[in-house]
C-alpha atoms as a PDB file:
ATOM      1  CA  MET A   1      78.467 115.766 139.656  1.00  0.00           C
ATOM      2  CA  ILE A   2      77.886 112.407 137.960  1.00  0.00           C
ATOM      3  CA  ASN A   3      77.343 114.136 134.623  1.00  0.00           C
ATOM      4  CA  ILE A   4      80.622 116.031 135.053  1.00  0.00           C
ATOM      5  CA  PHE A   5      82.398 112.735 135.777  1.00  0.00           C
ATOM      6  CA  TYR A   6      81.056 111.162 132.589  1.00  0.00           C
ATOM      7  CA  PHE A   7      81.846 114.277 130.567  1.00  0.00           C
ATOM      8  CA  PHE A   8      85.417 114.340 131.886  1.00  0.00           C
ATOM      9  CA  GLY A   9      85.806 110.633 131.120  1.00  0.00           C
ATOM     10  CA  GLN A  10      84.589 111.086 127.537  1.00  0.00           C
ATOM     11  CA  GLN A  11      86.884 114.045 126.950  1.00  0.00           C
ATOM     12  CA  MET A  12      89.818 112.194 128.464  1.00  0.00           C
ATOM     13  CA  LEU A  13      89.161 109.271 126.132  1.00  0.00           C
ATOM     14  CA  LEU A  14      89.373 111.609 123.137  1.00  0.00           C
ATOM     15  CA  CYS A  15      92.822 112.704 124.336  1.00  0.00           C
ATOM     16  CA  PHE A  16      93.968 109.264 125.381  1.00  0.00           C
ATOM     17  CA  VAL A  17      93.235 107.238 122.244  1.00  0.00           C
ATOM     18  CA  PRO A  18      95.242 109.219 119.649  1.00  0.00           C
ATOM     19  CA  LEU A  19      98.047 109.772 122.150  1.00  0.00           C
ATOM     20  CA  MET A  20      98.324 106.037 122.837  1.00  0.00           C
ATOM     21  CA  ILE A  21      98.163 105.116 119.137  1.00  0.00           C
ATOM     22  CA  VAL A  22     100.927 107.547 118.211  1.00  0.00           C
ATOM     23  CA  ALA A  23     103.085 106.565 121.195  1.00  0.00           C
ATOM     24  CA  LEU A  24     102.790 102.905 120.187  1.00  0.00           C
ATOM     25  CA  ALA A  25     103.746 103.986 116.670  1.00  0.00           C
ATOM     26  CA  GLY A  26     106.900 105.546 118.053  1.00  0.00           C
ATOM     27  CA  MET A  27     107.642 102.415 120.040  1.00  0.00           C
ATOM     28  CA  TYR A  28     107.637 100.192 116.937  1.00  0.00           C
ATOM     29  CA  SER A  29     110.291 102.312 115.291  1.00  0.00           C
ATOM     30  CA  GLU A  30     112.424 102.822 118.362  1.00  0.00           C
ATOM     31  CA  ARG A  31     112.373  99.196 119.438  1.00  0.00           C
ATOM     32  CA  SER A  32     114.056  98.481 116.101  1.00  0.00           C
ATOM     33  CA  GLY A  33     116.712 101.116 116.842  1.00  0.00           C
ATOM     34  CA  ILE A  34     115.361 104.060 114.819  1.00  0.00           C
ATOM     35  CA  ILE A  35     114.504 107.199 116.784  1.00  0.00           C
ATOM     36  CA  ASN A  36     111.148 108.461 115.584  1.00  0.00           C
ATOM     37  CA  PHE A  37     111.155 112.147 116.374  1.00  0.00           C
ATOM     38  CA  SER A  38     108.951 112.723 113.337  1.00  0.00           C
ATOM     39  CA  LEU A  39     105.677 111.724 115.018  1.00  0.00           C
ATOM     40  CA  GLU A  40     104.279 115.256 114.835  1.00  0.00           C
ATOM     41  CA  GLY A  41     104.886 115.421 111.087  1.00  0.00           C
ATOM     42  CA  LEU A  42     103.490 111.938 110.536  1.00  0.00           C
ATOM     43  CA  MET A  43     100.318 112.848 112.409  1.00  0.00           C
ATOM     44  CA  LEU A  44      99.924 115.939 110.237  1.00  0.00           C
ATOM     45  CA  ALA A  45     100.467 113.958 107.044  1.00  0.00           C
ATOM     46  CA  GLY A  46      97.847 111.417 108.064  1.00  0.00           C
ATOM     47  CA  ALA A  47      95.407 114.072 109.207  1.00  0.00           C
ATOM     48  CA  PHE A  48      95.761 115.968 105.914  1.00  0.00           C
ATOM     49  CA  ALA A  49      95.346 112.904 103.695  1.00  0.00           C
ATOM     50  CA  GLY A  50      92.423 111.644 105.766  1.00  0.00           C
ATOM     51  CA  ALA A  51      90.715 115.031 105.742  1.00  0.00           C
ATOM     52  CA  MET A  52      91.108 115.276 101.953  1.00  0.00           C
ATOM     53  CA  PHE A  53      89.548 111.822 101.601  1.00  0.00           C
ATOM     54  CA  LEU A  54      86.651 112.736 103.891  1.00  0.00           C
ATOM     55  CA  ARG A  55      86.042 115.949 101.961  1.00  0.00           C
ATOM     56  CA  SER A  56      85.897 114.101  98.627  1.00  0.00           C
ATOM     57  CA  MET A  57      83.831 111.143  99.883  1.00  0.00           C
ATOM     58  CA  GLN A  58      81.465 112.817 102.363  1.00  0.00           C
ATOM     59  CA  THR A  59      78.558 112.862  99.898  1.00  0.00           C
ATOM     60  CA  VAL A  60      79.301 109.421  98.479  1.00  0.00           C
ATOM     61  CA  LEU A  61      79.776 107.114 101.456  1.00  0.00           C
ATOM     62  CA  PRO A  62      77.974 106.749 104.818  1.00  0.00           C
ATOM     63  CA  GLY A  63      79.679 108.649 107.630  1.00  0.00           C
ATOM     64  CA  ASN A  64      81.544 105.931 109.491  1.00  0.00           C
ATOM     65  CA  VAL A  65      82.345 103.965 106.341  1.00  0.00           C
ATOM     66  CA  ALA A  66      84.063 107.066 104.987  1.00  0.00           C
ATOM     67  CA  TYR A  67      85.808 107.624 108.328  1.00  0.00           C
ATOM     68  CA  SER A  68      87.051 104.029 108.512  1.00  0.00           C
ATOM     69  CA  LEU A  69      88.477 104.232 104.987  1.00  0.00           C
ATOM     70  CA  ALA A  70      89.936 107.656 105.748  1.00  0.00           C
ATOM     71  CA  LEU A  71      91.835 106.166 108.699  1.00  0.00           C
ATOM     72  CA  VAL A  72      93.423 103.680 106.295  1.00  0.00           C
ATOM     73  CA  VAL A  73      94.291 106.491 103.883  1.00  0.00           C
ATOM     74  CA  ALA A  74      95.798 108.451 106.768  1.00  0.00           C
ATOM     75  CA  GLY A  75      97.907 105.444 107.725  1.00  0.00           C
ATOM     76  CA  LEU A  76      99.167 105.028 104.164  1.00  0.00           C
ATOM     77  CA  ALA A  77     100.125 108.698 104.050  1.00  0.00           C
ATOM     78  CA  GLY A  78     102.026 108.172 107.298  1.00  0.00           C
ATOM     79  CA  ILE A  79     103.938 105.287 105.719  1.00  0.00           C
ATOM     80  CA  ALA A  80     104.824 107.383 102.658  1.00  0.00           C
ATOM     81  CA  VAL A  81     106.278 110.189 104.775  1.00  0.00           C
ATOM     82  CA  MET A  82     107.936 107.809 107.210  1.00  0.00           C
ATOM     83  CA  MET A  83     109.833 106.181 104.367  1.00  0.00           C
ATOM     84  CA  LEU A  84     111.687 109.460 103.825  1.00  0.00           C
ATOM     85  CA  HIS A  85     112.867 109.338 107.428  1.00  0.00           C
ATOM     86  CA  SER A  86     113.581 105.607 107.164  1.00  0.00           C
ATOM     87  CA  TYR A  87     115.667 105.960 104.013  1.00  0.00           C
ATOM     88  CA  SER A  88     117.755 108.687 105.594  1.00  0.00           C
ATOM     89  CA  SER A  89     118.195 106.748 108.836  1.00  0.00           C
ATOM     90  CA  VAL A  90     118.486 103.132 107.649  1.00  0.00           C
ATOM     91  CA  SER A  91     120.017 103.304 104.179  1.00  0.00           C
ATOM     92  CA  LEU A  92     122.045 106.506 104.419  1.00  0.00           C
ATOM     93  CA  GLY A  93     122.967 106.281 108.097  1.00  0.00           C
ATOM     94  CA  GLY A  94     122.072 109.930 108.660  1.00  0.00           C
ATOM     95  CA  SER A  95     121.243 111.645 111.924  1.00  0.00           C
ATOM     96  CA  GLN A  96     117.880 110.319 113.052  1.00  0.00           C
ATOM     97  CA  ILE A  97     117.097 113.393 115.143  1.00  0.00           C
ATOM     98  CA  VAL A  98     117.816 115.778 112.272  1.00  0.00           C
ATOM     99  CA  SER A  99     115.850 113.640 109.819  1.00  0.00           C
ATOM    100  CA  GLY A 100     112.862 113.466 112.152  1.00  0.00           C
ATOM    101  CA  MET A 101     112.906 117.204 112.781  1.00  0.00           C
ATOM    102  CA  ALA A 102     113.115 117.833 109.046  1.00  0.00           C
ATOM    103  CA  VAL A 103     109.872 115.882 108.596  1.00  0.00           C
ATOM    104  CA  ASN A 104     108.220 117.896 111.367  1.00  0.00           C
ATOM    105  CA  LEU A 105     109.203 121.145 109.688  1.00  0.00           C
ATOM    106  CA  LEU A 106     108.387 120.045 106.138  1.00  0.00           C
ATOM    107  CA  ILE A 107     104.918 118.519 106.497  1.00  0.00           C
ATOM    108  CA  PRO A 108     102.970 121.476 107.983  1.00  0.00           C
ATOM    109  CA  ALA A 109     104.188 123.775 105.226  1.00  0.00           C
ATOM    110  CA  LEU A 110     103.735 121.158 102.518  1.00  0.00           C
ATOM    111  CA  THR A 111     100.161 120.352 103.493  1.00  0.00           C
ATOM    112  CA  ILE A 112      99.225 124.040 103.525  1.00  0.00           C
ATOM    113  CA  VAL A 113     100.732 124.477 100.058  1.00  0.00           C
ATOM    114  CA  LEU A 114      98.883 121.409  98.766  1.00  0.00           C
ATOM    115  CA  ALA A 115      95.596 122.533 100.288  1.00  0.00           C
ATOM    116  CA  ARG A 116      95.998 125.943  98.685  1.00  0.00           C
ATOM    117  CA  ALA A 117      96.928 124.417  95.319  1.00  0.00           C
ATOM    118  CA  ILE A 118      94.128 121.822  95.283  1.00  0.00           C
ATOM    119  CA  LEU A 119      91.286 123.594  97.084  1.00  0.00           C
ATOM    120  CA  GLY A 120      92.279 127.236  97.015  1.00  0.00           C
ATOM    121  CA  VAL A 121      92.058 127.460 100.825  1.00  0.00           C
ATOM    122  CA  LEU A 122      94.429 126.890 103.731  1.00  0.00           C
ATOM    123  CA  GLN A 123      92.131 124.567 105.702  1.00  0.00           C
ATOM    124  CA  VAL A 124      90.589 121.296 104.562  1.00  0.00           C
ATOM    125  CA  ASP A 125      87.053 121.175 105.893  1.00  0.00           C
ATOM    126  CA  TYR A 126      84.660 118.225 105.918  1.00  0.00           C
ATOM    127  CA  ALA A 127      81.252 117.323 107.306  1.00  0.00           C
ATOM    128  CA  ASN A 128      81.801 115.758 110.725  1.00  0.00           C
ATOM    129  CA  ARG A 129      79.126 113.043 110.681  1.00  0.00           C
ATOM    130  CA  PHE A 130      81.048 110.403 112.604  1.00  0.00           C
ATOM    131  CA  LEU A 131      79.855 110.732 116.192  1.00  0.00           C
ATOM    132  CA  ILE A 132      78.144 107.581 117.472  1.00  0.00           C
ATOM    133  CA  ALA A 133      75.438 108.795 119.837  1.00  0.00           C
ATOM    134  CA  GLU A 134      74.950 105.479 121.610  1.00  0.00           C
ATOM    135  CA  ILE A 135      75.746 101.784 121.231  1.00  0.00           C
ATOM    136  CA  PRO A 136      72.726  99.759 122.390  1.00  0.00           C
ATOM    137  CA  VAL A 137      73.125  97.464 125.415  1.00  0.00           C
ATOM    138  CA  LEU A 138      76.797  98.373 125.962  1.00  0.00           C
ATOM    139  CA  SER A 139      75.931 101.984 126.733  1.00  0.00           C
ATOM    140  CA  ALA A 140      73.802 100.781 129.662  1.00  0.00           C
ATOM    141  CA  VAL A 141      76.738  99.131 131.451  1.00  0.00           C
ATOM    142  CA  PRO A 142      77.361 101.011 134.722  1.00  0.00           C
ATOM    143  CA  ILE A 143      80.226 103.536 134.767  1.00  0.00           C
ATOM    144  CA  ILE A 144      82.077 102.400 131.626  1.00  0.00           C
ATOM    145  CA  GLY A 145      78.979 102.385 129.414  1.00  0.00           C
ATOM    146  CA  PRO A 146      78.353 106.145 129.382  1.00  0.00           C
ATOM    147  CA  ILE A 147      82.081 106.863 128.944  1.00  0.00           C
ATOM    148  CA  PHE A 148      83.037 104.340 126.258  1.00  0.00           C
ATOM    149  CA  PHE A 149      79.794 103.694 124.409  1.00  0.00           C
ATOM    150  CA  ARG A 150      78.000 107.051 124.304  1.00  0.00           C
ATOM    151  CA  GLN A 151      79.043 110.074 122.271  1.00  0.00           C
ATOM    152  CA  THR A 152      81.973 108.097 120.914  1.00  0.00           C
ATOM    153  CA  TYR A 153      83.871 107.528 117.674  1.00  0.00           C
ATOM    154  CA  ILE A 154      84.869 104.361 115.870  1.00  0.00           C
ATOM    155  CA  SER A 155      88.519 105.442 116.183  1.00  0.00           C
ATOM    156  CA  THR A 156      88.244 104.859 119.936  1.00  0.00           C
ATOM    157  CA  PHE A 157      87.690 101.148 119.427  1.00  0.00           C
ATOM    158  CA  ILE A 158      90.320 100.998 116.687  1.00  0.00           C
ATOM    159  CA  GLY A 159      92.778 102.462 119.183  1.00  0.00           C
ATOM    160  CA  PHE A 160      92.219  99.600 121.618  1.00  0.00           C
ATOM    161  CA  ILE A 161      92.547  97.116 118.751  1.00  0.00           C
ATOM    162  CA  VAL A 162      95.918  98.693 117.902  1.00  0.00           C
ATOM    163  CA  PHE A 163      96.981  98.247 121.528  1.00  0.00           C
ATOM    164  CA  ILE A 164      95.945  94.569 121.625  1.00  0.00           C
ATOM    165  CA  ILE A 165      97.708  93.860 118.331  1.00  0.00           C
ATOM    166  CA  THR A 166     100.856  95.549 119.619  1.00  0.00           C
ATOM    167  CA  VAL A 167     100.899  93.528 122.835  1.00  0.00           C
ATOM    168  CA  VAL A 168     100.503  90.303 120.863  1.00  0.00           C
ATOM    169  CA  VAL A 169     103.205  91.306 118.364  1.00  0.00           C
ATOM    170  CA  PHE A 170     105.789  92.049 121.033  1.00  0.00           C
ATOM    171  CA  LYS A 171     104.903  89.223 123.396  1.00  0.00           C
ATOM    172  CA  LYS A 172     103.961  86.359 121.110  1.00  0.00           C
ATOM    173  CA  THR A 173     105.397  86.736 117.601  1.00  0.00           C
ATOM    174  CA  ARG A 174     108.728  86.097 115.928  1.00  0.00           C
ATOM    175  CA  PHE A 175     108.633  89.553 114.382  1.00  0.00           C
ATOM    176  CA  GLY A 176     108.401  91.141 117.829  1.00  0.00           C
ATOM    177  CA  MET A 177     111.416  89.172 119.049  1.00  0.00           C
ATOM    178  CA  ARG A 178     113.371  90.198 115.961  1.00  0.00           C
ATOM    179  CA  LEU A 179     112.532  93.837 116.576  1.00  0.00           C
ATOM    180  CA  HIS A 180     113.862  93.499 120.102  1.00  0.00           C
ATOM    181  CA  ALA A 181     117.057  91.816 118.885  1.00  0.00           C
ATOM    182  CA  VAL A 182     117.683  94.395 116.159  1.00  0.00           C
ATOM    183  CA  GLY A 183     117.173  97.259 118.588  1.00  0.00           C
ATOM    184  CA  GLU A 184     119.457  95.800 121.221  1.00  0.00           C
ATOM    185  CA  HIS A 185     122.346  94.398 119.171  1.00  0.00           C
ATOM    186  CA  PRO A 186     121.941  94.516 115.384  1.00  0.00           C
ATOM    187  CA  GLN A 187     125.298  92.870 114.689  1.00  0.00           C
ATOM    188  CA  ALA A 188     124.364  89.841 116.775  1.00  0.00           C
ATOM    189  CA  ALA A 189     120.943  89.729 115.135  1.00  0.00           C
ATOM    190  CA  GLU A 190     122.544  89.797 111.673  1.00  0.00           C
ATOM    191  CA  SER A 191     124.812  86.900 112.635  1.00  0.00           C
ATOM    192  CA  LEU A 192     121.691  84.855 113.394  1.00  0.00           C
ATOM    193  CA  GLY A 193     120.266  85.499 109.945  1.00  0.00           C
ATOM    194  CA  ILE A 194     118.006  88.456 110.774  1.00  0.00           C
ATOM    195  CA  LYS A 195     118.064  91.126 108.084  1.00  0.00           C
ATOM    196  CA  VAL A 196     118.540  94.282 110.096  1.00  0.00           C
ATOM    197  CA  ALA A 197     117.722  96.843 107.399  1.00  0.00           C
ATOM    198  CA  ALA A 198     114.615  94.985 106.236  1.00  0.00           C
ATOM    199  CA  THR A 199     113.389  94.588 109.820  1.00  0.00           C
ATOM    200  CA  ARG A 200     113.886  98.277 110.504  1.00  0.00           C
ATOM    201  CA  TYR A 201     112.031  99.242 107.336  1.00  0.00           C
ATOM    202  CA  ARG A 202     109.093  97.035 108.349  1.00  0.00           C
ATOM    203  CA  ALA A 203     109.064  98.485 111.855  1.00  0.00           C
ATOM    204  CA  THR A 204     109.162 102.064 110.604  1.00  0.00           C
ATOM    205  CA  ALA A 205     106.419 101.344 108.064  1.00  0.00           C
ATOM    206  CA  ILE A 206     104.168 100.119 110.877  1.00  0.00           C
ATOM    207  CA  SER A 207     105.191 103.159 112.898  1.00  0.00           C
ATOM    208  CA  GLY A 208     104.254 105.476 110.037  1.00  0.00           C
ATOM    209  CA  PHE A 209     100.897 103.779 109.512  1.00  0.00           C
ATOM    210  CA  PHE A 210      99.832 104.036 113.148  1.00  0.00           C
ATOM    211  CA  ALA A 211     101.123 107.615 113.498  1.00  0.00           C
ATOM    212  CA  GLY A 212      99.200 108.729 110.407  1.00  0.00           C
ATOM    213  CA  LEU A 213      96.084 106.959 111.652  1.00  0.00           C
ATOM    214  CA  GLY A 214      96.529 108.630 115.035  1.00  0.00           C
ATOM    215  CA  GLY A 215      96.708 112.030 113.365  1.00  0.00           C
ATOM    216  CA  LEU A 216      93.256 111.663 111.832  1.00  0.00           C
ATOM    217  CA  ALA A 217      91.917 110.054 115.021  1.00  0.00           C
ATOM    218  CA  PHE A 218      92.989 113.229 116.808  1.00  0.00           C
ATOM    219  CA  ILE A 219      91.499 115.892 114.529  1.00  0.00           C
ATOM    220  CA  VAL A 220      88.112 114.299 113.743  1.00  0.00           C
ATOM    221  CA  PRO A 221      86.716 114.353 117.319  1.00  0.00           C
ATOM    222  CA  ASN A 222      88.132 117.836 117.898  1.00  0.00           C
ATOM    223  CA  ALA A 223      87.400 119.743 114.688  1.00  0.00           C
ATOM    224  CA  SER A 224      85.658 119.694 111.345  1.00  0.00           C
ATOM    225  CA  GLU A 225      88.707 120.816 109.405  1.00  0.00           C
ATOM    226  CA  TYR A 226      92.415 120.195 108.999  1.00  0.00           C
ATOM    227  CA  ALA A 227      94.355 123.332 109.908  1.00  0.00           C
ATOM    228  CA  ALA A 228      97.965 122.061 109.946  1.00  0.00           C
ATOM    229  CA  SER A 229      98.010 121.460 113.693  1.00  0.00           C
ATOM    230  CA  VAL A 230      97.746 118.485 116.041  1.00  0.00           C
ATOM    231  CA  ALA A 231      98.376 120.566 119.180  1.00  0.00           C
ATOM    232  CA  GLY A 232     101.835 119.123 119.811  1.00  0.00           C
ATOM    233  CA  TYR A 233     100.529 115.603 120.370  1.00  0.00           C
ATOM    234  CA  GLY A 234     103.384 114.130 118.336  1.00  0.00           C
ATOM    235  CA  TYR A 235     105.954 115.610 120.698  1.00  0.00           C
ATOM    236  CA  LEU A 236     103.875 114.578 123.691  1.00  0.00           C
ATOM    237  CA  ALA A 237     103.774 111.033 122.299  1.00  0.00           C
ATOM    238  CA  CYS A 238     107.596 111.017 122.212  1.00  0.00           C
ATOM    239  CA  ALA A 239     107.558 111.743 125.951  1.00  0.00           C
ATOM    240  CA  VAL A 240     104.981 108.993 126.512  1.00  0.00           C
ATOM    241  CA  VAL A 241     107.250 106.466 124.770  1.00  0.00           C
ATOM    242  CA  ILE A 242     110.143 107.372 127.076  1.00  0.00           C
ATOM    243  CA  PHE A 243     107.996 107.425 130.206  1.00  0.00           C
ATOM    244  CA  GLY A 244     106.455 104.108 129.129  1.00  0.00           C
ATOM    245  CA  GLN A 245     109.932 102.612 128.798  1.00  0.00           C
ATOM    246  CA  TRP A 246     109.253 101.272 125.281  1.00  0.00           C
ATOM    247  CA  GLN A 247     106.761  98.712 126.625  1.00  0.00           C
ATOM    248  CA  PRO A 248     103.138  98.551 125.403  1.00  0.00           C
ATOM    249  CA  ILE A 249     101.407  98.193 128.769  1.00  0.00           C
ATOM    250  CA  ARG A 250     103.468 100.929 130.382  1.00  0.00           C
ATOM    251  CA  ILE A 251     102.770 103.161 127.395  1.00  0.00           C
ATOM    252  CA  LEU A 252      99.064 102.525 127.946  1.00  0.00           C
ATOM    253  CA  TRP A 253      99.238 103.782 131.528  1.00  0.00           C
ATOM    254  CA  ALA A 254     101.557 106.639 130.609  1.00  0.00           C
ATOM    255  CA  SER A 255      99.003 107.694 127.983  1.00  0.00           C
ATOM    256  CA  VAL A 256      96.266 107.623 130.632  1.00  0.00           C
ATOM    257  CA  LEU A 257      98.337 109.902 132.878  1.00  0.00           C
ATOM    258  CA  PHE A 258      99.212 112.391 130.151  1.00  0.00           C
ATOM    259  CA  ALA A 259      95.645 112.366 128.796  1.00  0.00           C
ATOM    260  CA  PHE A 260      94.338 113.104 132.293  1.00  0.00           C
ATOM    261  CA  MET A 261      96.551 116.176 132.563  1.00  0.00           C
ATOM    262  CA  LYS A 262      95.690 117.286 129.023  1.00  0.00           C
ATOM    263  CA  THR A 263      91.983 116.930 129.745  1.00  0.00           C
ATOM    264  CA  ILE A 264      92.269 119.100 132.844  1.00  0.00           C
ATOM    265  CA  ALA A 265      93.860 121.780 130.666  1.00  0.00           C
ATOM    266  CA  ASN A 266      91.017 121.494 128.157  1.00  0.00           C
ATOM    267  CA  VAL A 267      87.897 121.326 130.330  1.00  0.00           C
ATOM    268  CA  TYR A 268      88.790 122.980 133.653  1.00  0.00           C
ATOM    269  CA  THR A 269      86.239 125.736 132.948  1.00  0.00           C
ATOM    270  CA  VAL A 270      83.320 123.354 133.523  1.00  0.00           C
ATOM    271  CA  ILE A 271      84.634 121.697 136.687  1.00  0.00           C
ATOM    272  CA  PRO A 272      83.696 123.568 139.890  1.00  0.00           C
ATOM    273  CA  PHE A 273      86.803 122.486 141.822  1.00  0.00           C
ATOM    274  CA  PHE A 274      89.201 123.975 139.274  1.00  0.00           C
ATOM    275  CA  ILE A 275      87.073 127.097 138.814  1.00  0.00           C
ATOM    276  CA  ALA A 276      87.192 127.674 142.574  1.00  0.00           C
ATOM    277  CA  LEU A 277      91.001 127.636 142.553  1.00  0.00           C
ATOM    278  CA  GLY A 278      90.961 130.799 140.483  1.00  0.00           C
ATOM    279  CA  TRP A 279      94.149 129.972 138.606  1.00  0.00           C
ATOM    280  CA  SER A 280      95.038 131.620 135.328  1.00  0.00           C
ATOM    281  CA  THR A 281      94.149 129.917 132.064  1.00  0.00           C
ATOM    282  CA  TYR A 282      97.845 129.753 131.219  1.00  0.00           C
ATOM    283  CA  VAL A 283      98.581 127.694 134.335  1.00  0.00           C
ATOM    284  CA  TYR A 284      96.187 124.958 133.226  1.00  0.00           C
ATOM    285  CA  LYS A 285      97.514 125.040 129.670  1.00  0.00           C
ATOM    286  CA  MET A 286     101.065 124.581 130.956  1.00  0.00           C
ATOM    287  CA  ILE A 287     100.263 121.650 133.270  1.00  0.00           C
ATOM    288  CA  PRO A 288     100.791 118.805 130.719  1.00  0.00           C
ATOM    289  CA  TYR A 289     104.112 120.199 129.519  1.00  0.00           C
ATOM    290  CA  ILE A 290     105.503 121.064 132.943  1.00  0.00           C
ATOM    291  CA  ALA A 291     104.538 117.580 134.107  1.00  0.00           C
ATOM    292  CA  THR A 292     106.243 116.127 131.028  1.00  0.00           C
ATOM    293  CA  VAL A 293     109.541 117.795 131.907  1.00  0.00           C
ATOM    294  CA  ILE A 294     109.332 116.742 135.573  1.00  0.00           C
ATOM    295  CA  ILE A 295     108.429 113.151 134.751  1.00  0.00           C
ATOM    296  CA  LEU A 296     111.235 112.814 132.215  1.00  0.00           C
ATOM    297  CA  ILE A 297     113.767 114.217 134.697  1.00  0.00           C
ATOM    298  CA  PHE A 298     112.892 111.535 137.244  1.00  0.00           C
ATOM    299  CA  THR A 299     112.545 108.628 134.806  1.00  0.00           C
ATOM    300  CA  SER A 300     115.469 109.235 132.440  1.00  0.00           C
ATOM    301  CA  LYS A 301     117.994 107.848 134.931  1.00  0.00           C
ATOM    302  CA  LYS A 302     116.300 104.446 134.856  1.00  0.00           C
ATOM    303  CA  SER A 303     115.775 104.351 131.120  1.00  0.00           C
ATOM    304  CA  SER A 304     115.520 100.914 129.512  1.00  0.00           C
ATOM    305  CA  GLN A 305     115.774 102.223 125.958  1.00  0.00           C
ATOM    306  CA  PRO A 306     117.034  99.843 123.256  1.00  0.00           C
ATOM    307  CA  LYS A 307     120.839  99.800 123.379  1.00  0.00           C
ATOM    308  CA  ALA A 308     121.242 100.475 119.660  1.00  0.00           C
ATOM    309  CA  LEU A 309     118.655 103.277 119.572  1.00  0.00           C
ATOM    310  CA  GLY A 310     119.838 106.088 117.333  1.00  0.00           C
ATOM    311  CA  GLU A 311     122.963 104.286 116.145  1.00  0.00           C
ATOM    312  CA  PRO A 312     123.392 103.671 112.386  1.00  0.00           C
ATOM    313  CA  TYR A 313     123.912 100.014 111.630  1.00  0.00           C
ATOM    314  CA  ASP A 314     127.466  99.156 110.624  1.00  0.00           C
ATOM    315  CA  ARG A 315     128.127  95.548 109.639  1.00  0.00           C
ATOM    316  CA  SER A 316     131.834  95.976 110.256  1.00  0.00           C
ATOM    317  CA  VAL A 317     131.288  96.557 113.969  1.00  0.00           C
ATOM    318  CA  LYS A 318     131.243  93.340 115.980  1.00  0.00           C
END
């Protein structure tokens, strides 16, 4: 039973970390007033670029050095794709939902075409040499040691660093306060000397970087190839942002909840309690998404979304 508990905790962590990173990515953009419905596409772009880097560097660099650099490459790819959405939303004043969906539809096809053109195959495979079997001393800490510091990945710790940075940015920095002002009332922010467009571009760039990073952080622990899929985690992250009310700490706990449900769907076959229920496989697979709909129904009425979210900035409006 103890081994099952540790196994479940480790698997839940693998779901939780990328989900939290990508949800925080969405929060950066949306707190500035730009709806980021393109998280799925950004994850795919980052996963593809990171996988290509790992494939080319796997015989040159040590495992986790290559993985660390690949996470940066994935983030940069996320920025590049996010700028398409940003330009449409910020500079052209286009529909942010349509622009985000366009990215989600474009990137899977584009990455498959690029993989076929560059490698001659549809999947980008790489040697998965990134698992950290055990971190001395820390792995011996009761309860949390076996979950966090055994059979883990460096992306797990990077995810918590991203969370800490985000909390500091929004609670303690001038940039965080400007993001809040721009997302709530951009005209008032502009009157105080804050450059709305520039602030939104910075916020969306950060959003793109973290979403791309989260894409690679998702596929590496779960596969040894990029196959143009992140299992809908980008869309799930959008729900986490809403349920977390655009606040870092709430997003953390929302990610824990959604990761718990996702983990049940993934590993129920090794847990005696769920096996004894005798439910269909499809029931477990549907649990995270049914719960998403229910949660959003009950939380949408008390939404504290930024007031200017989704609205193109018009200087003439006072």
